[in-house]
N, C-alpha and C. Protein backbone atom coordinates (compact mmCIF):
# COMPACT_ATOMS: atom_id res chain seq x y z
N MET A 1 151.06 88.80 64.74
CA MET A 1 152.10 89.53 65.77
C MET A 1 152.44 91.01 65.19
N LYS A 2 152.27 91.84 65.88
CA LYS A 2 152.38 93.36 65.81
C LYS A 2 153.78 93.76 66.17
N LEU A 3 154.65 94.29 65.36
CA LEU A 3 155.90 94.84 65.94
C LEU A 3 155.83 95.99 66.54
N PRO A 4 156.62 96.45 67.49
CA PRO A 4 156.57 97.75 68.14
C PRO A 4 157.14 98.72 67.49
N ALA A 5 156.77 100.02 67.38
CA ALA A 5 157.20 101.20 66.50
C ALA A 5 158.60 101.34 66.60
N VAL A 6 159.55 101.63 65.64
CA VAL A 6 160.77 101.95 65.54
C VAL A 6 160.99 103.25 65.64
N ARG A 7 161.69 103.72 66.71
CA ARG A 7 162.13 105.15 66.67
C ARG A 7 163.55 105.19 66.68
N LEU A 8 163.91 106.49 65.88
CA LEU A 8 165.24 106.56 65.51
C LEU A 8 165.87 107.66 66.50
N ASN A 9 167.07 107.47 67.15
CA ASN A 9 167.62 108.50 68.08
C ASN A 9 168.64 109.40 67.22
N SER A 10 168.76 110.62 67.51
CA SER A 10 169.48 111.67 66.89
C SER A 10 170.01 112.71 67.71
N THR A 11 171.04 113.41 67.32
CA THR A 11 171.64 114.47 68.15
C THR A 11 170.72 115.69 68.00
N PRO A 12 170.13 116.26 68.93
CA PRO A 12 169.34 117.60 68.81
C PRO A 12 170.04 118.42 68.12
N VAL A 13 169.29 119.43 67.37
CA VAL A 13 169.69 120.60 66.65
C VAL A 13 169.23 121.80 67.17
N SER A 14 170.10 122.67 67.48
CA SER A 14 169.60 124.00 68.09
C SER A 14 169.24 124.88 66.93
N ILE A 15 167.85 125.26 66.90
CA ILE A 15 167.32 126.17 65.91
C ILE A 15 166.99 127.43 66.41
N PRO A 16 167.48 128.45 65.97
CA PRO A 16 167.09 129.77 66.29
C PRO A 16 165.91 130.20 65.97
N GLN A 17 164.91 130.64 66.89
CA GLN A 17 163.76 130.99 66.49
C GLN A 17 163.46 132.42 65.85
N HIS A 18 164.31 133.32 66.09
CA HIS A 18 164.20 134.73 65.61
C HIS A 18 165.51 135.19 65.43
N THR A 19 165.69 135.83 64.53
CA THR A 19 167.08 136.43 64.03
C THR A 19 166.71 138.11 63.74
N PRO A 20 167.60 138.81 64.54
CA PRO A 20 167.32 140.31 64.44
C PRO A 20 167.62 140.66 63.16
N VAL A 21 166.57 141.71 62.79
CA VAL A 21 166.60 142.30 61.39
C VAL A 21 167.17 143.57 61.50
N ARG A 22 168.20 143.67 60.57
CA ARG A 22 168.96 145.14 60.45
C ARG A 22 168.20 145.93 59.32
N HIS A 23 168.04 147.31 59.61
CA HIS A 23 167.23 148.06 58.49
C HIS A 23 168.36 148.77 58.10
N GLY A 24 168.73 148.84 56.78
CA GLY A 24 169.82 149.64 56.23
C GLY A 24 169.12 150.36 55.02
N ARG A 25 169.94 151.13 54.44
CA ARG A 25 169.47 152.01 53.30
C ARG A 25 169.63 151.26 51.95
N TYR A 26 170.39 150.33 52.01
CA TYR A 26 170.56 149.49 50.69
C TYR A 26 170.45 147.96 50.78
N LEU A 27 170.24 147.56 51.93
CA LEU A 27 170.11 146.17 52.17
C LEU A 27 168.89 145.80 53.20
N MET A 28 168.08 144.97 52.68
CA MET A 28 166.90 144.45 53.72
C MET A 28 166.91 142.99 53.73
N VAL A 29 167.11 142.63 54.96
CA VAL A 29 167.42 141.13 55.36
C VAL A 29 165.86 140.63 55.85
N THR A 30 165.54 139.37 55.27
CA THR A 30 164.36 138.66 55.52
C THR A 30 164.70 138.07 56.79
N PRO A 31 163.60 137.97 57.67
CA PRO A 31 163.59 137.30 58.68
C PRO A 31 163.86 135.88 58.57
N LEU A 32 164.69 135.21 59.33
CA LEU A 32 164.84 133.71 59.31
C LEU A 32 163.87 132.90 59.80
N THR A 33 163.06 132.25 59.31
CA THR A 33 161.72 131.38 59.66
C THR A 33 161.92 130.04 59.06
N LEU A 34 162.34 129.00 59.82
CA LEU A 34 162.54 127.65 59.65
C LEU A 34 161.39 127.00 60.09
N PRO A 35 161.15 125.90 59.32
CA PRO A 35 160.02 125.06 59.47
C PRO A 35 160.11 124.50 60.84
N ASN A 36 159.06 124.00 61.50
CA ASN A 36 159.24 123.24 62.74
C ASN A 36 159.19 121.74 62.37
N ILE A 37 160.29 121.16 62.64
CA ILE A 37 160.54 119.69 62.10
C ILE A 37 160.45 118.84 63.67
N SER A 38 159.83 117.62 63.48
CA SER A 38 159.68 116.88 64.46
C SER A 38 160.90 116.18 64.72
N PRO A 39 161.42 115.88 66.04
CA PRO A 39 162.75 115.41 66.20
C PRO A 39 162.76 113.90 65.82
N ALA A 40 163.94 113.24 65.64
CA ALA A 40 163.95 111.95 65.22
C ALA A 40 163.05 110.85 66.20
N SER A 41 163.04 111.31 67.21
CA SER A 41 162.38 110.28 68.22
C SER A 41 161.03 110.38 68.31
N GLU A 42 160.31 111.16 67.31
CA GLU A 42 158.96 111.05 66.99
C GLU A 42 158.67 110.50 65.37
N LEU A 43 159.81 110.17 64.86
CA LEU A 43 159.32 109.66 63.54
C LEU A 43 159.60 108.04 63.59
N THR A 44 158.38 107.44 63.22
CA THR A 44 158.20 106.06 63.26
C THR A 44 158.30 105.43 61.84
N VAL A 45 158.43 103.98 61.87
CA VAL A 45 158.43 103.41 60.63
C VAL A 45 157.13 103.71 59.84
N SER A 46 155.94 103.72 60.48
CA SER A 46 154.78 103.70 59.59
C SER A 46 154.48 105.31 59.26
N GLN A 47 155.33 106.25 59.44
CA GLN A 47 155.05 107.38 58.97
C GLN A 47 155.63 107.74 57.62
N SER A 48 155.07 108.58 56.85
CA SER A 48 155.60 108.98 55.37
C SER A 48 156.21 110.53 55.88
N VAL A 49 157.38 110.60 55.65
CA VAL A 49 158.09 111.84 56.00
C VAL A 49 158.44 112.42 54.65
N PRO A 50 157.79 113.57 54.35
CA PRO A 50 158.07 114.25 53.13
C PRO A 50 159.58 114.82 53.12
N ARG A 51 160.18 115.10 51.81
CA ARG A 51 161.58 115.60 51.73
C ARG A 51 161.45 117.01 51.51
N LEU A 52 162.26 117.79 52.05
CA LEU A 52 162.45 119.25 52.11
C LEU A 52 163.56 119.60 51.09
N ASP A 53 163.41 120.82 50.36
CA ASP A 53 164.38 121.35 49.64
C ASP A 53 165.40 122.34 50.46
N PRO A 54 166.65 122.05 50.76
CA PRO A 54 167.41 122.90 51.53
C PRO A 54 167.50 124.16 50.88
N LEU A 55 167.43 124.35 49.59
CA LEU A 55 167.42 125.70 48.82
C LEU A 55 166.31 126.68 49.07
N HIS A 56 165.14 125.92 49.17
CA HIS A 56 163.97 126.54 49.26
C HIS A 56 163.12 125.96 50.58
N PRO A 57 163.39 126.43 51.78
CA PRO A 57 162.76 125.64 52.92
C PRO A 57 161.37 126.28 52.75
N PRO A 58 160.54 125.62 53.48
CA PRO A 58 159.16 126.00 53.54
C PRO A 58 158.79 127.12 54.52
N ARG A 59 157.79 127.98 54.21
CA ARG A 59 157.57 129.03 55.01
C ARG A 59 158.60 130.09 55.11
N VAL A 60 159.60 130.24 54.01
CA VAL A 60 160.45 131.20 53.95
C VAL A 60 159.90 132.16 52.50
N PRO A 61 159.67 133.25 52.60
CA PRO A 61 159.09 133.96 51.37
C PRO A 61 160.27 134.31 50.29
N LYS A 62 161.49 134.46 50.71
CA LYS A 62 162.43 134.79 49.88
C LYS A 62 163.81 134.34 50.51
N ARG A 63 164.73 133.67 49.67
CA ARG A 63 165.98 133.36 50.16
C ARG A 63 166.81 134.54 50.03
N THR A 64 167.70 134.59 51.27
CA THR A 64 168.63 135.67 51.46
C THR A 64 170.00 134.99 51.75
N VAL A 65 171.04 135.88 51.84
CA VAL A 65 172.44 135.34 51.99
C VAL A 65 172.50 134.84 53.31
N SER A 66 171.78 135.49 54.19
CA SER A 66 171.71 135.05 55.56
C SER A 66 171.19 133.92 56.16
N LEU A 67 170.63 133.19 55.21
CA LEU A 67 169.63 131.91 55.48
C LEU A 67 170.68 130.86 55.52
N GLU A 68 170.51 129.93 56.49
CA GLU A 68 171.12 128.74 56.56
C GLU A 68 170.11 127.76 56.86
N THR A 69 170.35 126.62 56.50
CA THR A 69 169.28 125.32 56.46
C THR A 69 169.96 124.10 57.32
N PRO A 70 170.49 124.29 58.29
CA PRO A 70 170.98 123.12 59.12
C PRO A 70 169.72 122.07 59.58
N ALA A 71 168.57 122.85 59.77
CA ALA A 71 167.22 121.95 60.14
C ALA A 71 166.72 121.31 59.10
N VAL A 72 166.76 121.82 57.87
CA VAL A 72 166.28 121.14 56.73
C VAL A 72 167.35 119.93 56.32
N HIS A 73 168.57 120.03 56.37
CA HIS A 73 169.46 119.02 56.21
C HIS A 73 169.29 117.75 57.25
N HIS A 74 169.09 118.35 58.43
CA HIS A 74 168.72 117.26 59.48
C HIS A 74 167.52 116.46 59.45
N HIS A 75 166.47 117.36 58.76
CA HIS A 75 165.25 116.64 58.53
C HIS A 75 165.30 115.71 57.45
N ASN A 76 166.06 115.86 56.40
CA ASN A 76 166.21 114.95 55.19
C ASN A 76 167.00 113.83 55.77
N HIS A 77 168.10 114.00 56.55
CA HIS A 77 169.00 113.08 56.97
C HIS A 77 167.87 111.91 57.84
N GLN A 78 167.30 112.59 58.79
CA GLN A 78 166.38 111.64 59.51
C GLN A 78 165.29 110.92 58.62
N ARG A 79 164.69 111.63 57.56
CA ARG A 79 163.81 110.95 56.54
C ARG A 79 164.47 109.78 55.78
N VAL A 80 165.75 109.97 55.49
CA VAL A 80 166.57 108.79 54.76
C VAL A 80 166.69 107.72 55.91
N LEU A 81 167.07 107.86 57.25
CA LEU A 81 167.22 106.81 58.19
C LEU A 81 165.57 106.06 58.27
N VAL A 82 164.83 106.83 58.37
CA VAL A 82 163.37 106.10 58.60
C VAL A 82 162.99 105.37 57.18
N MET A 83 163.44 105.78 56.21
CA MET A 83 163.22 105.11 54.94
C MET A 83 164.09 103.70 54.85
N GLN A 84 165.24 103.74 55.38
CA GLN A 84 166.11 102.85 55.40
C GLN A 84 165.45 101.65 56.33
N ARG A 85 165.14 102.41 57.55
CA ARG A 85 164.56 101.41 58.63
C ARG A 85 163.15 100.69 58.11
N LYS A 86 162.46 101.54 57.32
CA LYS A 86 161.23 100.73 56.70
C LYS A 86 161.63 99.64 55.76
N VAL A 87 162.56 99.88 54.87
CA VAL A 87 163.03 98.76 53.88
C VAL A 87 163.66 97.75 54.86
N HIS A 88 164.41 97.73 55.81
CA HIS A 88 165.11 96.91 56.61
C HIS A 88 163.82 95.97 57.20
N CYS A 89 162.81 96.60 57.74
CA CYS A 89 161.66 95.93 58.35
C CYS A 89 160.96 95.12 57.52
N ARG A 90 160.60 95.84 56.25
CA ARG A 90 159.94 95.07 55.25
C ARG A 90 160.65 93.96 54.82
N TYR A 91 161.94 94.06 54.71
CA TYR A 91 162.80 92.76 54.08
C TYR A 91 162.61 91.62 55.34
N HIS A 92 162.83 91.79 56.57
CA HIS A 92 162.80 90.97 57.50
C HIS A 92 161.26 90.43 57.79
N GLN A 93 160.32 91.18 57.51
CA GLN A 93 159.07 90.86 57.63
C GLN A 93 158.74 89.47 56.57
N VAL A 94 159.49 89.36 55.64
CA VAL A 94 159.07 88.14 54.66
C VAL A 94 159.46 86.94 55.18
N TRP A 95 160.55 86.86 55.94
CA TRP A 95 161.09 85.56 56.35
C TRP A 95 160.63 85.46 57.81
N ARG A 96 160.26 86.48 58.46
CA ARG A 96 159.95 86.33 59.88
C ARG A 96 158.83 85.31 60.27
N ARG A 97 157.65 85.39 59.44
CA ARG A 97 156.50 84.60 59.82
C ARG A 97 156.73 83.03 59.63
N PRO A 98 157.40 82.58 58.68
CA PRO A 98 157.63 80.92 58.63
C PRO A 98 158.51 80.53 59.58
N PHE A 99 159.60 81.37 60.03
CA PHE A 99 160.51 80.97 61.10
C PHE A 99 160.09 81.17 62.52
N TYR A 100 159.55 82.33 62.72
CA TYR A 100 159.54 82.98 64.14
C TYR A 100 158.08 83.17 64.49
N GLY A 101 157.12 83.03 63.54
CA GLY A 101 155.69 83.26 63.74
C GLY A 101 154.93 82.29 64.59
N SER A 102 153.75 82.70 65.13
CA SER A 102 153.32 81.39 65.83
C SER A 102 152.61 80.35 64.82
N CYS A 103 151.94 79.44 65.35
CA CYS A 103 151.49 78.30 64.79
C CYS A 103 150.49 78.79 63.46
N THR A 104 149.58 79.65 63.88
CA THR A 104 148.51 80.31 63.10
C THR A 104 149.26 80.78 62.01
N GLU A 105 150.36 81.80 62.19
CA GLU A 105 150.87 82.50 61.04
C GLU A 105 151.63 81.70 60.25
N ARG A 106 152.29 80.77 60.77
CA ARG A 106 152.92 79.67 59.90
C ARG A 106 152.10 78.77 58.93
N GLU A 107 150.70 78.31 59.58
CA GLU A 107 149.95 77.92 58.75
C GLU A 107 149.30 78.63 57.48
N GLU A 108 148.99 79.81 57.99
CA GLU A 108 148.80 80.96 57.05
C GLU A 108 149.66 81.05 56.08
N TYR A 109 151.01 81.32 56.29
CA TYR A 109 152.25 81.30 55.37
C TYR A 109 152.12 80.02 54.39
N LYS A 110 152.06 78.96 55.05
CA LYS A 110 152.03 77.72 54.09
C LYS A 110 150.77 77.74 53.25
N GLU A 111 149.55 78.05 53.68
CA GLU A 111 148.40 78.24 52.79
C GLU A 111 148.78 79.20 51.57
N GLU A 112 149.34 80.41 51.99
CA GLU A 112 149.60 81.48 50.81
C GLU A 112 150.55 80.73 49.83
N VAL A 113 151.51 80.04 50.34
CA VAL A 113 152.49 79.54 49.49
C VAL A 113 151.77 78.49 48.71
N ARG A 114 150.61 77.58 49.16
CA ARG A 114 150.23 76.66 48.41
C ARG A 114 149.38 77.30 47.40
N GLN A 115 148.51 78.30 47.68
CA GLN A 115 147.57 79.22 46.82
C GLN A 115 148.43 79.63 45.67
N GLN A 116 149.72 80.18 46.04
CA GLN A 116 150.68 80.72 45.12
C GLN A 116 151.10 79.65 44.00
N LEU A 117 151.52 78.48 44.65
CA LEU A 117 152.04 77.31 43.66
C LEU A 117 150.72 76.80 42.87
N LYS A 118 149.40 76.90 43.36
CA LYS A 118 148.28 76.42 42.56
C LYS A 118 147.99 77.51 41.57
N ARG A 119 148.15 78.63 41.60
CA ARG A 119 147.90 79.76 40.95
C ARG A 119 149.13 79.77 39.78
N GLN A 120 150.35 79.32 40.20
CA GLN A 120 151.59 79.44 39.05
C GLN A 120 151.03 78.01 38.28
N MET A 121 150.62 77.09 38.81
CA MET A 121 150.32 75.79 37.88
C MET A 121 149.04 76.00 37.03
N GLU A 122 148.02 76.94 37.52
CA GLU A 122 146.77 77.13 36.52
C GLU A 122 147.37 78.13 35.53
N GLU A 123 148.35 79.10 36.04
CA GLU A 123 148.48 79.93 34.86
C GLU A 123 149.60 79.21 33.77
N LYS A 124 150.47 78.25 34.13
CA LYS A 124 151.27 77.53 33.38
C LYS A 124 150.26 76.43 32.51
N ARG A 125 149.17 75.83 33.24
CA ARG A 125 148.27 75.16 32.51
C ARG A 125 147.59 75.88 31.26
N ALA A 126 147.26 77.07 31.83
CA ALA A 126 146.57 78.06 30.73
C ALA A 126 147.55 78.39 29.70
N GLU A 127 148.84 78.53 29.81
CA GLU A 127 149.79 78.97 28.82
C GLU A 127 149.99 77.95 27.93
N LEU A 128 150.10 76.64 28.53
CA LEU A 128 150.28 75.28 27.85
C LEU A 128 149.12 75.19 26.84
N MET A 129 147.70 75.53 27.49
CA MET A 129 146.72 75.19 26.56
C MET A 129 146.68 76.19 25.37
N ARG A 130 146.81 77.47 25.76
CA ARG A 130 146.90 78.46 24.65
C ARG A 130 148.03 78.20 23.61
N GLN A 131 149.33 77.73 24.19
CA GLN A 131 150.31 77.29 23.13
C GLN A 131 149.57 76.09 22.29
N LEU A 132 149.04 74.91 22.75
CA LEU A 132 148.33 73.90 22.04
C LEU A 132 147.47 74.23 20.97
N ALA A 133 146.56 75.13 21.55
CA ALA A 133 145.45 75.77 20.59
C ALA A 133 146.05 76.46 19.40
N SER A 134 147.11 77.32 19.87
CA SER A 134 147.79 78.07 18.63
C SER A 134 148.33 77.13 17.78
N LYS A 135 149.05 75.95 18.15
CA LYS A 135 149.85 75.18 17.31
C LYS A 135 148.69 74.48 16.47
N ALA A 136 147.39 74.05 17.08
CA ALA A 136 146.60 73.35 16.37
C ALA A 136 146.01 74.42 15.19
N GLU A 137 145.68 75.67 15.68
CA GLU A 137 145.35 76.47 14.66
C GLU A 137 146.15 76.66 13.37
N GLU A 138 147.70 76.61 13.88
CA GLU A 138 148.60 76.84 12.86
C GLU A 138 148.56 75.47 11.87
N ALA A 139 148.41 74.46 12.71
CA ALA A 139 148.55 73.11 11.78
C ALA A 139 147.26 73.15 10.75
N GLU A 140 146.11 73.52 11.41
CA GLU A 140 144.97 73.68 10.43
C GLU A 140 145.20 74.64 9.33
N LEU A 141 145.64 75.78 9.54
CA LEU A 141 146.08 76.70 8.38
C LEU A 141 147.06 76.04 7.45
N LEU A 142 148.03 75.42 7.82
CA LEU A 142 149.31 75.00 7.03
C LEU A 142 148.36 73.71 6.23
N GLN A 143 147.45 72.89 6.72
CA GLN A 143 146.76 71.83 6.00
C GLN A 143 145.82 72.66 4.93
N GLU A 144 145.48 73.62 5.27
CA GLU A 144 144.36 74.42 4.40
C GLU A 144 145.22 74.92 3.08
N VAL A 145 146.25 75.54 3.41
CA VAL A 145 147.31 76.01 2.42
C VAL A 145 147.62 74.97 1.71
N ASP A 146 148.00 73.72 1.95
CA ASP A 146 148.62 72.77 1.47
C ASP A 146 147.34 72.11 0.48
N ARG A 147 146.14 72.19 1.07
CA ARG A 147 144.98 71.71 0.19
C ARG A 147 144.71 72.47 -0.95
N LEU A 148 144.94 73.78 -0.53
CA LEU A 148 144.76 74.73 -1.66
C LEU A 148 145.82 74.53 -2.85
N ALA A 149 146.97 74.43 -2.30
CA ALA A 149 148.11 74.21 -3.21
C ALA A 149 147.89 73.05 -4.16
N LEU A 150 147.61 71.88 -3.46
CA LEU A 150 147.37 70.68 -4.42
C LEU A 150 146.37 70.82 -5.27
N SER A 151 145.27 71.86 -4.79
CA SER A 151 143.91 71.72 -5.71
C SER A 151 144.41 72.64 -6.76
N ARG A 152 145.18 73.79 -6.61
CA ARG A 152 145.73 74.54 -7.75
C ARG A 152 146.35 73.86 -8.78
N GLU A 153 147.46 72.86 -8.20
CA GLU A 153 148.34 72.20 -9.06
C GLU A 153 147.61 71.15 -9.82
N ARG A 154 146.58 70.50 -9.25
CA ARG A 154 145.64 69.75 -10.11
C ARG A 154 145.02 70.32 -11.27
N HIS A 155 144.35 71.46 -10.72
CA HIS A 155 143.82 72.33 -11.79
C HIS A 155 144.78 72.90 -12.91
N GLN A 156 146.10 73.09 -12.50
CA GLN A 156 146.85 73.47 -13.71
C GLN A 156 147.25 72.33 -14.57
N LYS A 157 147.35 71.18 -13.94
CA LYS A 157 147.69 69.81 -14.71
C LYS A 157 146.48 69.55 -15.47
N ILE A 158 145.35 69.61 -15.19
CA ILE A 158 144.09 69.41 -15.87
C ILE A 158 144.16 70.41 -17.15
N GLN A 159 144.40 71.73 -16.86
CA GLN A 159 144.27 72.67 -18.00
C GLN A 159 145.25 72.49 -18.81
N TYR A 160 146.60 71.90 -18.40
CA TYR A 160 147.67 71.82 -19.21
C TYR A 160 147.38 70.69 -20.44
N SER A 161 146.73 69.58 -19.43
CA SER A 161 146.29 68.32 -20.31
C SER A 161 145.29 68.78 -21.42
N ARG A 162 144.44 69.63 -21.07
CA ARG A 162 143.37 69.99 -22.12
C ARG A 162 144.14 70.80 -23.29
N GLU A 163 144.99 71.67 -23.04
CA GLU A 163 145.67 72.46 -23.98
C GLU A 163 146.48 71.62 -24.73
N MET A 164 147.03 70.57 -24.29
CA MET A 164 147.92 69.70 -25.10
C MET A 164 147.03 68.91 -25.92
N SER A 165 146.03 68.46 -25.49
CA SER A 165 145.06 67.75 -26.17
C SER A 165 144.33 68.52 -27.59
N HIS A 166 144.20 69.81 -27.09
CA HIS A 166 143.73 70.83 -28.49
C HIS A 166 144.98 71.00 -29.35
N TYR A 167 146.05 71.02 -28.79
CA TYR A 167 147.15 71.27 -29.58
C TYR A 167 147.34 70.07 -30.55
N ARG A 168 147.10 68.75 -30.00
CA ARG A 168 147.28 67.64 -30.64
C ARG A 168 146.28 67.38 -31.77
N ASP A 169 145.04 67.60 -31.35
CA ASP A 169 143.80 67.70 -32.25
C ASP A 169 144.06 68.71 -33.52
N GLU A 170 144.54 69.78 -33.28
CA GLU A 170 144.75 70.80 -34.39
C GLU A 170 145.99 70.36 -35.23
N ASN A 171 146.95 69.79 -34.62
CA ASN A 171 148.00 69.37 -35.43
C ASN A 171 147.52 68.08 -36.35
N LYS A 172 146.66 67.40 -35.77
CA LYS A 172 146.10 66.05 -36.58
C LYS A 172 145.29 66.55 -37.69
N LYS A 173 144.69 67.43 -37.41
CA LYS A 173 143.62 67.98 -38.42
C LYS A 173 144.66 68.92 -39.71
N LEU A 174 145.62 69.29 -39.28
CA LEU A 174 146.60 69.92 -40.21
C LEU A 174 147.36 69.03 -41.07
N MET A 175 147.69 67.79 -40.42
CA MET A 175 148.43 67.04 -40.96
C MET A 175 147.38 66.10 -42.00
N GLU A 176 146.23 65.90 -41.76
CA GLU A 176 145.27 65.06 -42.41
C GLU A 176 144.96 66.02 -43.71
N GLN A 177 144.87 67.51 -43.50
CA GLN A 177 144.42 68.08 -44.50
C GLN A 177 145.46 68.33 -45.39
N SER A 178 146.78 68.31 -44.97
CA SER A 178 147.93 68.20 -45.92
C SER A 178 148.14 66.89 -46.65
N TRP A 179 147.71 65.90 -46.13
CA TRP A 179 147.83 64.61 -46.77
C TRP A 179 146.68 64.46 -47.80
N ARG A 180 145.35 64.98 -47.51
CA ARG A 180 144.57 65.13 -48.48
C ARG A 180 145.00 66.14 -49.73
N ASP A 181 145.46 67.22 -49.44
CA ASP A 181 145.86 68.13 -50.45
C ASP A 181 147.04 67.43 -51.48
N ARG A 182 147.90 66.66 -50.80
CA ARG A 182 148.90 66.08 -51.66
C ARG A 182 148.39 64.95 -52.39
N ALA A 183 147.36 64.22 -51.90
CA ALA A 183 146.73 63.05 -52.66
C ALA A 183 146.05 63.95 -53.81
N LEU A 184 145.34 64.93 -53.56
CA LEU A 184 144.41 65.65 -54.67
C LEU A 184 145.55 66.02 -55.77
N ILE A 185 146.52 66.68 -55.41
CA ILE A 185 147.60 67.14 -56.16
C ILE A 185 148.14 65.95 -57.13
N ARG A 186 148.51 64.87 -56.48
CA ARG A 186 149.02 63.60 -57.13
C ARG A 186 147.93 63.13 -58.10
N SER A 187 146.73 63.04 -57.71
CA SER A 187 145.69 62.52 -58.75
C SER A 187 145.44 63.54 -59.71
N LEU A 188 145.70 64.82 -59.66
CA LEU A 188 145.34 65.84 -60.81
C LEU A 188 146.48 65.68 -61.51
N GLU A 189 147.93 65.39 -61.14
CA GLU A 189 148.89 65.30 -62.01
C GLU A 189 148.85 64.16 -62.83
N ALA A 190 148.45 62.97 -62.17
CA ALA A 190 148.27 61.91 -62.95
C ALA A 190 147.28 61.89 -64.08
N LYS A 191 146.12 62.44 -63.84
CA LYS A 191 145.04 62.85 -64.69
C LYS A 191 145.53 63.62 -65.72
N ARG A 192 146.31 64.72 -65.67
CA ARG A 192 146.94 65.54 -66.58
C ARG A 192 147.92 64.74 -67.51
N GLU A 193 148.63 63.79 -66.96
CA GLU A 193 149.70 63.19 -67.66
C GLU A 193 149.00 62.03 -68.46
N ARG A 194 147.82 61.44 -67.99
CA ARG A 194 146.92 60.55 -68.77
C ARG A 194 146.43 61.24 -70.08
N ASP A 195 145.99 62.36 -69.83
CA ASP A 195 145.50 63.11 -70.95
C ASP A 195 146.40 63.71 -71.96
N LEU A 196 147.64 63.87 -71.48
CA LEU A 196 148.49 64.16 -72.40
C LEU A 196 149.02 62.93 -73.13
N LEU A 197 149.23 61.86 -72.48
CA LEU A 197 149.29 60.55 -73.19
C LEU A 197 148.42 60.09 -74.18
N ARG A 198 147.25 60.59 -73.84
CA ARG A 198 146.09 60.16 -74.74
C ARG A 198 146.24 60.87 -76.02
N HIS A 199 146.52 62.16 -75.94
CA HIS A 199 146.80 62.95 -77.25
C HIS A 199 147.98 62.80 -77.84
N ASN A 200 149.02 62.51 -77.04
CA ASN A 200 150.38 62.27 -77.73
C ASN A 200 150.88 61.05 -77.30
N PRO A 201 150.80 59.86 -77.85
CA PRO A 201 151.28 58.69 -77.46
C PRO A 201 152.80 58.35 -77.15
N ILE A 202 153.50 59.13 -78.18
CA ILE A 202 154.87 59.25 -77.79
C ILE A 202 155.53 60.07 -76.97
N ASN A 203 156.16 59.65 -75.81
CA ASN A 203 156.70 60.50 -74.76
C ASN A 203 157.92 60.75 -75.33
N TRP A 204 158.21 61.65 -76.02
CA TRP A 204 159.64 62.12 -76.48
C TRP A 204 160.53 62.69 -75.06
N SER A 205 159.99 63.40 -74.45
CA SER A 205 160.86 63.80 -73.40
C SER A 205 161.15 62.70 -72.23
N GLY A 206 160.38 61.85 -72.07
CA GLY A 206 160.45 60.70 -71.01
C GLY A 206 159.95 61.09 -69.90
N THR A 207 159.10 62.35 -69.76
CA THR A 207 158.63 62.71 -68.30
C THR A 207 157.40 62.29 -67.91
N LEU A 208 156.65 61.71 -69.08
CA LEU A 208 155.27 61.21 -68.90
C LEU A 208 155.37 59.69 -68.34
N LYS A 209 154.47 59.13 -67.59
CA LYS A 209 154.47 57.64 -67.06
C LYS A 209 153.42 57.18 -67.52
């Protein structure tokens, strides 16, 4: 269904075509040349109307004190009205088809809605799968970190056990060596005392056994 072109009615503006030029000794006035602006009745919604600068109208080489810009302001005002009409038509085009369109347009609208819902469901499913994959990767990473931590802890325990065993063995060797040294010292002292008793049977000091 094609809508008719929207036309805007406005009050016509009288634009002077030529302004007399006064030649003076100290003042030169530039002729007033305003652009040809289409009236509002010729502006439709489908057209794109450029905005004009009131301070620098087109086709005017130099701005003077005698330059007035009512036509430019009128042009910009008509442009604003056309853009507002475009927004209004675009807003109403959204809900016109499902309520006031033909059977074919309503079916097309329903098909578009279904396609959009399917696309949203697919996007949601893809996002969910991506989140699940990310969580699975994170779980695998945590398991690997936990496995490495347990392996490192087990290795530390084994190393500690080996160090303690070596420390125990060294202490045992030192104790056995100390026992042997003390036994040797006692045996030497006993031998020396026996020798002394053999040479001097009387133990006057009472230190010999």
